[in-house]
Amino acid sequence: MATNICARLRTGLVSASAAETRALAEELAGALPPDTVLALHGDLGVGKTTFVQGLARGFGITEPVTSPTFALYSVYQGRRQLVHLDAYRIESPRELDDLLIEDFLTSPWCLAVEWPEKVAAWLPADAWHLDLGIESGDRHTLRLR
């Protein structure tokens, strides 16, 4: 089942609703190895935070997950720790180092990074990359690189 979601995402999927996007993310949560960085690529409004909400549900996190744009990152605890980083306002990897995110990572963890392009040099080589986009209408695309 876990490899099935990864194979389907590598092929590319289309989601017709926020609920469907959350369900796909919840399914992927079960396939992510422990201590994984998940880079979420896409423009404003493609569903990055919606996807993280589904990851949280998949990790057994029950508290509300919102975009950490102003706080830069949020930490949630469930069966797996989820650190949700919004790098949109980060100007350099040095700024990211100053946040001491590594100090908050307790295994098993997942670090979900919105706007990973802003901190590309900081991301580990084994990070997972997910492209999110919008098709015609309200349909969203998801593809795991």
Protein backbone atom coordinates (compact mmCIF):
# COMPACT_ATOMS: atom_id res chain seq x y z
CA MET A 1 0.00 0.00 0.00
CA ALA A 2 2.76 2.47 0.95
CA THR A 3 4.72 1.91 -2.26
CA ASN A 4 1.46 2.19 -4.17
CA ILE A 5 0.92 5.83 -3.13
CA CYS A 6 4.54 6.65 -3.99
CA ALA A 7 4.24 5.02 -7.43
CA ARG A 8 0.94 6.81 -8.07
CA LEU A 9 2.41 10.16 -7.01
CA ARG A 10 5.50 9.63 -9.19
CA THR A 11 3.19 9.11 -12.15
CA GLY A 12 1.22 12.20 -11.13
CA LEU A 13 -2.22 12.56 -9.62
CA VAL A 14 -5.06 15.03 -9.94
CA SER A 15 -7.10 16.08 -6.92
CA ALA A 16 -10.57 17.54 -7.38
CA SER A 17 -10.91 18.88 -3.83
CA ALA A 18 -9.06 19.93 -0.69
CA ALA A 19 -10.46 16.82 1.04
CA GLU A 20 -8.97 14.61 -1.69
CA THR A 21 -5.59 16.37 -1.38
CA ARG A 22 -5.62 15.82 2.39
CA ALA A 23 -6.49 12.14 1.87
CA LEU A 24 -3.57 11.66 -0.54
CA ALA A 25 -1.22 13.33 1.95
CA GLU A 26 -2.56 11.18 4.77
CA GLU A 27 -1.81 8.10 2.67
CA LEU A 28 1.71 9.37 1.88
CA ALA A 29 2.36 9.93 5.60
CA GLY A 30 2.33 6.16 6.04
CA ALA A 31 4.94 5.72 3.29
CA LEU A 32 7.46 8.37 4.35
CA PRO A 33 10.54 6.96 6.03
CA PRO A 34 11.37 8.31 9.49
CA ASP A 35 13.30 11.58 9.62
CA THR A 36 12.35 12.81 6.15
CA VAL A 37 12.41 16.28 4.64
CA LEU A 38 9.50 16.80 2.25
CA ALA A 39 9.94 19.81 -0.04
CA LEU A 40 6.60 21.14 -1.29
CA HIS A 41 7.00 23.05 -4.57
CA GLY A 42 4.32 25.25 -6.11
CA ASP A 43 2.86 28.72 -6.43
CA LEU A 44 0.50 30.42 -4.00
CA GLY A 45 -2.82 28.64 -3.69
CA VAL A 46 -1.77 25.21 -5.01
CA GLY A 47 -2.56 23.44 -1.74
CA LYS A 48 0.77 23.14 0.09
CA THR A 49 -0.73 23.84 3.52
CA THR A 50 -3.73 21.64 2.69
CA PHE A 51 -1.28 18.85 1.91
CA VAL A 52 0.51 19.37 5.24
CA GLN A 53 -2.87 19.15 7.01
CA GLY A 54 -3.30 15.68 5.50
CA LEU A 55 0.21 14.67 6.54
CA ALA A 56 -0.61 15.76 10.07
CA ARG A 57 -3.75 13.64 10.09
CA GLY A 58 -1.69 10.70 8.82
CA PHE A 59 0.74 11.16 11.71
CA GLY A 60 -2.12 11.18 14.23
CA ILE A 61 -1.93 14.92 14.91
CA THR A 62 -5.31 16.29 15.93
CA GLU A 63 -4.59 19.97 16.50
CA PRO A 64 -5.36 22.41 13.67
CA VAL A 65 -2.54 22.94 11.15
CA THR A 66 -2.29 26.38 9.61
CA SER A 67 0.30 28.11 7.46
CA PRO A 68 3.26 29.25 9.58
CA THR A 69 4.03 32.19 7.25
CA PHE A 70 4.53 34.71 10.05
CA ALA A 71 5.96 32.34 12.68
CA LEU A 72 8.08 30.66 9.94
CA TYR A 73 7.57 27.18 11.40
CA SER A 74 5.30 25.18 13.67
CA VAL A 75 5.95 21.93 15.53
CA TYR A 76 3.22 19.31 15.97
CA GLN A 77 3.42 16.03 17.88
CA GLY A 78 1.61 12.82 16.97
CA ARG A 79 2.85 9.29 16.22
CA ARG A 80 5.52 11.19 14.32
CA GLN A 81 6.66 14.74 14.90
CA LEU A 82 5.78 17.17 12.11
CA VAL A 83 7.69 20.41 11.65
CA HIS A 84 5.99 22.68 9.12
CA LEU A 85 8.29 25.35 7.68
CA ASP A 86 7.18 28.19 5.42
CA ALA A 87 10.41 29.51 3.89
CA TYR A 88 8.71 32.24 1.84
CA ARG A 89 10.14 35.11 3.93
CA ILE A 90 13.59 33.56 4.43
CA GLU A 91 16.28 35.43 2.52
CA SER A 92 19.27 33.15 3.07
CA PRO A 93 20.14 29.69 4.41
CA ARG A 94 21.98 31.49 7.25
CA GLU A 95 18.62 32.86 8.47
CA LEU A 96 17.32 29.31 8.50
CA ASP A 97 20.30 28.15 10.56
CA ASP A 98 19.46 30.87 13.10
CA LEU A 99 16.02 29.30 13.63
CA LEU A 100 17.70 26.18 15.11
CA ILE A 101 15.10 23.88 13.53
CA GLU A 102 17.42 20.88 13.95
CA ASP A 103 17.15 21.35 17.72
CA PHE A 104 13.40 20.73 17.50
CA LEU A 105 13.56 17.54 15.42
CA THR A 106 12.78 14.51 17.57
CA SER A 107 12.89 11.18 15.75
CA PRO A 108 10.75 10.02 14.06
CA TRP A 109 10.07 13.35 12.35
CA CYS A 110 8.99 14.85 9.07
CA LEU A 111 10.02 18.37 8.07
CA ALA A 112 7.56 19.71 5.49
CA VAL A 113 9.03 22.75 3.72
CA GLU A 114 6.91 25.19 1.75
CA TRP A 115 8.87 27.36 -0.72
CA PRO A 116 11.92 25.05 -0.65
CA GLU A 117 13.50 27.01 -3.53
CA LYS A 118 14.31 29.74 -0.99
CA VAL A 119 16.45 27.32 1.06
CA ALA A 120 17.57 24.83 -1.60
CA ALA A 121 21.20 24.80 -0.42
CA TRP A 122 20.02 23.92 3.11
CA LEU A 123 17.92 20.90 2.07
CA PRO A 124 19.52 17.47 2.44
CA ALA A 125 20.34 15.53 -0.73
CA ASP A 126 17.83 12.81 0.22
CA ALA A 127 14.88 15.21 0.59
CA TRP A 128 11.65 14.14 -1.09
CA HIS A 129 10.24 16.69 -3.56
CA LEU A 130 6.55 17.06 -4.35
CA ASP A 131 5.32 19.38 -7.11
CA LEU A 132 1.86 20.84 -6.63
CA GLY A 133 0.01 22.77 -9.32
CA ILE A 134 -3.41 23.84 -10.56
CA GLU A 135 -5.10 22.58 -13.70
CA SER A 136 -8.15 24.10 -15.30
CA GLY A 137 -10.89 24.83 -12.83
CA ASP A 138 -10.32 23.72 -9.27
CA ARG A 139 -8.29 20.60 -10.02
CA HIS A 140 -4.88 20.32 -8.39
CA THR A 141 -1.93 18.26 -9.59
CA LEU A 142 0.53 16.38 -7.39
CA ARG A 143 3.72 14.71 -8.59
CA LEU A 144 6.51 13.19 -6.54
CA ARG A 145 9.95 13.63 -8.15
